[in-house]
Amino acid sequence: MPTFTALTTLQGQTGAEALADALEDLMPEPIGIGTFEVEDGSGTWEVGGYFEAAPDIAGLELLAKVHGARPFTVSEVPETDWVAHVKRELTPVEAGRFFVYGSHDADKVPQNCEPLLIEAAMAFGTGHHGTTQGCLRALDRLASAGAPHRSVVDIGCGTAVLAMAAARIWPGVMLASDIDCVAVDVARVNVAANDLEGRVRCIEATGLDHPDLAAAAPFDLVFANILKGPLIDLAPGMTASLAGGGHAILSGILNEQADEVIDAYTQAGNNLIKAEMIGDWTTLTMRKIG
């Protein structure tokens, strides 16, 4: 059975959330509604509705006009076996010493690598995005430089691929936290699939706001592969949570946003060690002064 999508954009989070609320009253009712900020620094938000039956076009036109949004674009989405599609599209990824793969590619794992199994059905944080690759490469460089990082936390962990990568090369228990309870469940499944139970602990938390994270600080290394805005907001708290000389690996940053994030972390008391661009995305390695 096909589904239908209705998508529009408008300025500002408040207006986007108001339009999303109004969509709930449309008949036929949408089976899902989402709001997303467009990651280009323009303040544009996308609002989408998902329908099992063709939506009310006139109703959508009226809602767009009332809320100052662009006209909705309505599309019919055919049935797709998304897991099979993802398996076809997601080939293994090599990033430094790390090899990220799905179980359908288990026969392709090379010798002398650190393998990380991420199931294709769990496609956020598979290693294919430039931000995740950048973080894995940055971790590989830190590991090659020498001293182990025994206290590590991955903020906004998604699949926990970064925390698991750290656990592959260093001793201790790595922490992986996410604001999304579904992501935390996914992370735990991946930790078990990689035989890292007891080495990676997954926690539901907003940023660093959790007593277990506070108790584990100061950290030798903090990963934060999120977005520019939250990264800048977290700069003082993240720096405070780092040990002297500790590192922060930051990503989820569009290339044109990198200077703003560098400035925020420099002002908080860190030095830039390296900025690496992969496609449209930049990954930063910062080091706390002291």
Protein backbone atom coordinates (compact mmCIF):
# COMPACT_ATOMS: atom_id res chain seq x y z
CA MET A 1 0.00 0.00 0.00
CA PRO A 2 1.56 3.35 -0.97
CA THR A 3 1.92 6.19 1.48
CA PHE A 4 1.83 9.91 0.80
CA THR A 5 4.09 12.69 2.01
CA ALA A 6 3.26 16.39 2.26
CA LEU A 7 6.28 18.64 2.80
CA THR A 8 6.75 22.38 3.18
CA THR A 9 9.22 24.87 4.62
CA LEU A 10 8.93 28.08 6.61
CA GLN A 11 11.02 30.33 8.81
CA GLY A 12 11.46 29.69 12.51
CA GLN A 13 10.96 26.84 14.96
CA THR A 14 7.88 28.36 16.61
CA GLY A 15 5.99 28.64 13.33
CA ALA A 16 7.06 25.13 12.29
CA GLU A 17 5.80 23.62 15.52
CA ALA A 18 2.50 25.51 15.23
CA LEU A 19 2.00 24.20 11.69
CA ALA A 20 2.83 20.68 12.81
CA ASP A 21 0.21 20.93 15.55
CA ALA A 22 -2.36 22.15 13.04
CA LEU A 23 -1.60 19.22 10.71
CA GLU A 24 -2.83 16.83 13.40
CA ASP A 25 -6.41 18.08 12.84
CA LEU A 26 -6.36 17.46 9.08
CA MET A 27 -8.65 14.78 7.64
CA PRO A 28 -7.64 12.17 6.69
CA GLU A 29 -5.32 12.22 9.66
CA PRO A 30 -1.59 11.93 9.07
CA ILE A 31 0.05 8.81 10.48
CA GLY A 32 3.14 10.80 11.36
CA ILE A 33 4.34 14.42 11.54
CA GLY A 34 7.88 15.72 11.72
CA THR A 35 9.68 19.04 11.99
CA PHE A 36 13.35 19.44 11.08
CA GLU A 37 15.70 22.40 10.94
CA VAL A 38 17.47 22.73 7.59
CA GLU A 39 21.20 22.57 8.42
CA ASP A 40 22.31 25.59 6.41
CA GLY A 41 22.16 28.30 9.07
CA SER A 42 19.21 30.03 7.38
CA GLY A 43 16.65 29.41 10.14
CA THR A 44 14.47 27.46 7.70
CA TRP A 45 12.42 24.56 9.05
CA GLU A 46 10.82 21.69 7.16
CA VAL A 47 7.43 20.34 8.21
CA GLY A 48 6.24 17.00 6.90
CA GLY A 49 3.13 14.87 7.19
CA TYR A 50 2.82 11.20 6.26
CA PHE A 51 -0.52 9.74 5.18
CA GLU A 52 -1.96 6.31 4.40
CA ALA A 53 -4.52 7.93 2.06
CA ALA A 54 -4.20 10.91 -0.27
CA PRO A 55 -4.24 14.07 1.89
CA ASP A 56 -6.71 16.94 1.60
CA ILE A 57 -4.96 19.26 -0.87
CA ALA A 58 -7.28 22.19 -0.20
CA GLY A 59 -6.74 21.79 3.52
CA LEU A 60 -2.98 21.75 3.07
CA GLU A 61 -3.12 24.89 0.92
CA LEU A 62 -5.12 26.67 3.61
CA LEU A 63 -2.74 25.61 6.40
CA ALA A 64 0.29 26.78 4.42
CA LYS A 65 -1.30 30.17 3.79
CA VAL A 66 -2.38 30.67 7.40
CA HIS A 67 1.05 29.76 8.77
CA GLY A 68 3.12 31.63 6.19
CA ALA A 69 4.66 28.49 4.74
CA ARG A 70 5.49 27.60 1.16
CA PRO A 71 2.86 25.48 -0.63
CA PHE A 72 3.00 21.82 0.37
CA THR A 73 4.59 19.38 -2.06
CA VAL A 74 2.58 16.15 -2.05
CA SER A 75 4.17 12.92 -3.26
CA GLU A 76 3.14 9.30 -3.42
CA VAL A 77 5.78 6.95 -2.00
CA PRO A 78 5.70 3.37 -3.30
CA GLU A 79 6.23 0.41 -1.04
CA THR A 80 9.91 -0.31 -0.53
CA ASP A 81 11.76 -2.98 1.40
CA TRP A 82 13.99 -0.43 3.10
CA VAL A 83 16.17 -2.93 4.93
CA ALA A 84 16.98 -4.70 1.65
CA HIS A 85 17.55 -1.32 -0.01
CA VAL A 86 19.93 -0.19 2.73
CA LYS A 87 21.84 -3.46 2.55
CA ARG A 88 22.35 -2.94 -1.17
CA GLU A 89 23.44 0.68 -0.78
CA LEU A 90 25.58 0.56 2.38
CA THR A 91 28.93 -0.97 1.54
CA PRO A 92 31.60 -1.35 4.22
CA VAL A 93 33.49 1.78 5.26
CA GLU A 94 37.16 2.01 6.20
CA ALA A 95 38.24 4.94 8.40
CA GLY A 96 41.77 4.62 9.63
CA ARG A 97 42.10 1.28 11.43
CA PHE A 98 38.31 0.91 11.71
CA PHE A 99 36.13 -1.17 9.38
CA VAL A 100 32.39 -0.51 9.72
CA TYR A 101 30.13 -3.12 8.15
CA GLY A 102 26.72 -4.78 8.25
CA SER A 103 26.21 -8.48 8.91
CA HIS A 104 25.52 -8.99 5.19
CA ASP A 105 29.16 -8.03 4.57
CA ALA A 106 30.71 -10.12 7.35
CA ASP A 107 32.75 -12.06 4.79
CA LYS A 108 34.48 -8.84 3.71
CA VAL A 109 36.11 -7.97 7.05
CA PRO A 110 39.87 -7.74 6.39
CA GLN A 111 42.70 -8.85 8.63
CA ASN A 112 44.46 -6.36 10.90
CA CYS A 113 41.55 -3.95 11.38
CA GLU A 114 39.21 -2.98 14.20
CA PRO A 115 35.79 -4.27 13.00
CA LEU A 116 32.57 -2.54 14.02
CA LEU A 117 29.29 -4.28 13.18
CA ILE A 118 26.37 -1.89 12.62
CA GLU A 119 23.19 -3.49 11.30
CA ALA A 120 21.75 -1.95 8.13
CA ALA A 121 18.29 -1.57 9.69
CA MET A 122 19.86 0.85 12.18
CA ALA A 123 21.03 3.37 9.61
CA PHE A 124 21.81 6.48 11.68
CA GLY A 125 25.51 6.43 12.53
CA THR A 126 26.55 3.61 10.21
CA GLY A 127 29.89 5.22 9.38
CA HIS A 128 28.85 6.23 5.86
CA HIS A 129 28.15 9.86 6.74
CA GLY A 130 31.11 12.22 6.49
CA THR A 131 30.64 13.27 10.11
CA THR A 132 31.03 9.74 11.48
CA GLN A 133 33.93 8.98 9.19
CA GLY A 134 35.62 12.18 10.31
CA CYS A 135 35.24 11.23 13.97
CA LEU A 136 36.65 7.74 13.37
CA ARG A 137 39.63 9.19 11.50
CA ALA A 138 40.24 11.69 14.31
CA LEU A 139 40.10 8.87 16.86
CA ASP A 140 42.57 6.84 14.79
CA ARG A 141 44.99 9.79 14.79
CA LEU A 142 44.74 10.22 18.57
CA ALA A 143 45.35 6.51 19.11
CA SER A 144 48.37 6.58 16.79
CA ALA A 145 49.78 9.52 18.76
CA GLY A 146 50.28 7.37 21.85
CA ALA A 147 48.67 7.78 25.28
CA PRO A 148 45.43 5.86 25.89
CA HIS A 149 42.25 7.72 26.72
CA ARG A 150 40.75 5.72 29.57
CA SER A 151 37.74 7.95 30.29
CA VAL A 152 35.65 8.49 27.15
CA VAL A 153 32.08 9.63 26.49
CA ASP A 154 30.14 9.83 23.23
CA ILE A 155 27.44 12.55 23.44
CA GLY A 156 24.57 12.04 20.98
CA CYS A 157 25.82 8.53 20.32
CA GLY A 158 23.24 7.22 17.80
CA THR A 159 24.42 3.66 17.09
CA ALA A 160 27.30 4.03 19.61
CA VAL A 161 29.81 3.41 16.83
CA LEU A 162 32.25 5.97 18.25
CA ALA A 163 32.14 4.68 21.81
CA MET A 164 32.58 1.14 20.49
CA ALA A 165 35.54 2.24 18.39
CA ALA A 166 37.20 3.69 21.49
CA ALA A 167 36.50 0.47 23.40
CA ARG A 168 38.21 -1.52 20.64
CA ILE A 169 41.54 0.23 21.21
CA TRP A 170 41.62 1.44 24.82
CA PRO A 171 40.91 -0.11 28.22
CA GLY A 172 38.11 0.96 30.52
CA VAL A 173 34.36 1.44 30.21
CA MET A 174 33.27 3.92 27.56
CA LEU A 175 30.04 5.89 28.03
CA ALA A 176 27.55 6.49 25.22
CA SER A 177 24.63 8.86 25.76
CA ASP A 178 21.75 10.10 23.64
CA ILE A 179 18.67 12.24 24.24
CA ASP A 180 16.60 9.77 22.17
CA CYS A 181 15.51 6.60 24.01
CA VAL A 182 15.25 4.73 20.70
CA ALA A 183 18.87 5.59 19.90
CA VAL A 184 19.91 4.29 23.32
CA ASP A 185 18.11 1.01 22.65
CA VAL A 186 19.81 0.77 19.23
CA ALA A 187 23.16 1.51 20.85
CA ARG A 188 22.70 -1.32 23.36
CA VAL A 189 21.84 -3.77 20.58
CA ASN A 190 24.98 -2.80 18.69
CA VAL A 191 27.13 -3.05 21.80
CA ALA A 192 25.88 -6.61 22.34
CA ALA A 193 26.38 -7.50 18.65
CA ASN A 194 30.01 -6.40 18.93
CA ASP A 195 30.64 -8.36 22.16
CA LEU A 196 31.33 -5.13 24.01
CA GLU A 197 28.86 -5.51 26.87
CA GLY A 198 30.59 -4.33 30.02
CA ARG A 199 32.92 -2.15 27.91
CA VAL A 200 30.37 0.37 26.61
CA ARG A 201 27.60 1.69 28.83
CA CYS A 202 24.61 3.38 27.18
CA ILE A 203 22.71 6.15 28.97
CA GLU A 204 19.69 8.29 28.08
CA ALA A 205 20.72 11.89 28.77
CA THR A 206 20.50 15.43 27.46
CA GLY A 207 24.03 16.56 26.70
CA LEU A 208 26.12 16.02 29.82
CA ASP A 209 23.14 16.34 32.15
CA HIS A 210 23.17 12.99 33.93
CA PRO A 211 24.57 12.05 37.36
CA ASP A 212 26.53 9.11 35.92
CA LEU A 213 28.25 11.40 33.43
CA ALA A 214 29.05 13.90 36.17
CA ALA A 215 30.49 11.10 38.32
CA ALA A 216 32.69 9.83 35.46
CA ALA A 217 34.21 13.24 34.70
CA PRO A 218 36.81 14.50 34.02
CA PHE A 219 37.04 12.83 30.63
CA ASP A 220 40.14 12.24 28.55
CA LEU A 221 38.02 12.35 25.40
CA VAL A 222 34.54 13.58 24.52
CA PHE A 223 32.89 12.83 21.18
CA ALA A 224 29.99 15.06 20.11
CA ASN A 225 28.70 14.39 16.61
CA ILE A 226 25.54 16.50 16.78
CA LEU A 227 24.81 19.96 15.26
CA LYS A 228 26.40 23.40 15.35
CA GLY A 229 23.89 24.98 17.74
CA PRO A 230 24.06 22.32 20.48
CA LEU A 231 27.84 22.11 20.08
CA ILE A 232 28.22 25.82 20.74
CA ASP A 233 25.82 25.66 23.70
CA LEU A 234 27.80 22.76 25.16
CA ALA A 235 31.22 24.39 24.76
CA PRO A 236 31.63 25.68 28.38
CA GLY A 237 30.18 22.56 30.01
CA MET A 238 32.04 20.15 27.76
CA THR A 239 35.32 21.94 28.37
CA ALA A 240 34.71 21.85 32.12
CA SER A 241 34.12 18.10 31.87
CA LEU A 242 37.49 17.50 30.16
CA ALA A 243 40.67 16.71 32.01
CA GLY A 244 43.58 19.04 31.40
CA GLY A 245 45.03 18.14 28.03
CA GLY A 246 41.91 16.14 27.19
CA HIS A 247 40.44 16.09 23.70
CA ALA A 248 37.06 16.83 22.17
CA ILE A 249 36.19 15.41 18.74
CA LEU A 250 33.33 17.48 17.33
CA SER A 251 31.28 16.99 14.19
CA GLY A 252 27.85 17.47 12.65
CA ILE A 253 29.30 20.78 11.42
CA LEU A 254 28.84 22.11 7.90
CA ASN A 255 32.10 23.40 6.47
CA GLU A 256 30.92 27.02 6.57
CA GLN A 257 29.95 26.64 10.26
CA ALA A 258 33.35 25.40 11.44
CA ASP A 259 34.80 28.79 12.37
CA GLU A 260 31.90 29.54 14.73
CA VAL A 261 32.40 26.25 16.56
CA ILE A 262 36.17 26.72 16.71
CA ASP A 263 35.68 30.20 18.19
CA ALA A 264 33.28 28.89 20.85
CA TYR A 265 35.66 26.15 21.99
CA THR A 266 38.72 28.39 21.80
CA GLN A 267 37.02 30.93 24.04
CA ALA A 268 36.09 28.12 26.44
CA GLY A 269 39.76 27.18 26.82
CA ASN A 270 40.74 24.78 24.03
CA ASN A 271 43.18 24.76 21.14
CA LEU A 272 42.37 23.48 17.66
CA ILE A 273 44.48 20.43 16.81
CA LYS A 274 42.99 19.59 13.41
CA ALA A 275 40.01 20.38 11.20
CA GLU A 276 39.19 17.80 8.54
CA MET A 277 36.64 18.26 5.77
CA ILE A 278 34.85 15.28 4.22
CA GLY A 279 32.39 16.43 1.59
CA ASP A 280 30.16 19.14 3.09
CA TRP A 281 31.13 18.33 6.68
CA THR A 282 33.97 19.30 9.02
CA THR A 283 35.25 17.35 12.00
CA LEU A 284 37.26 19.24 14.65
CA THR A 285 39.77 17.87 17.13
CA MET A 286 40.18 20.28 20.06
CA ARG A 287 42.51 19.98 23.09
CA LYS A 288 41.84 21.54 26.48
CA ILE A 289 44.56 23.92 27.62
CA GLY A 290 46.16 22.94 30.88
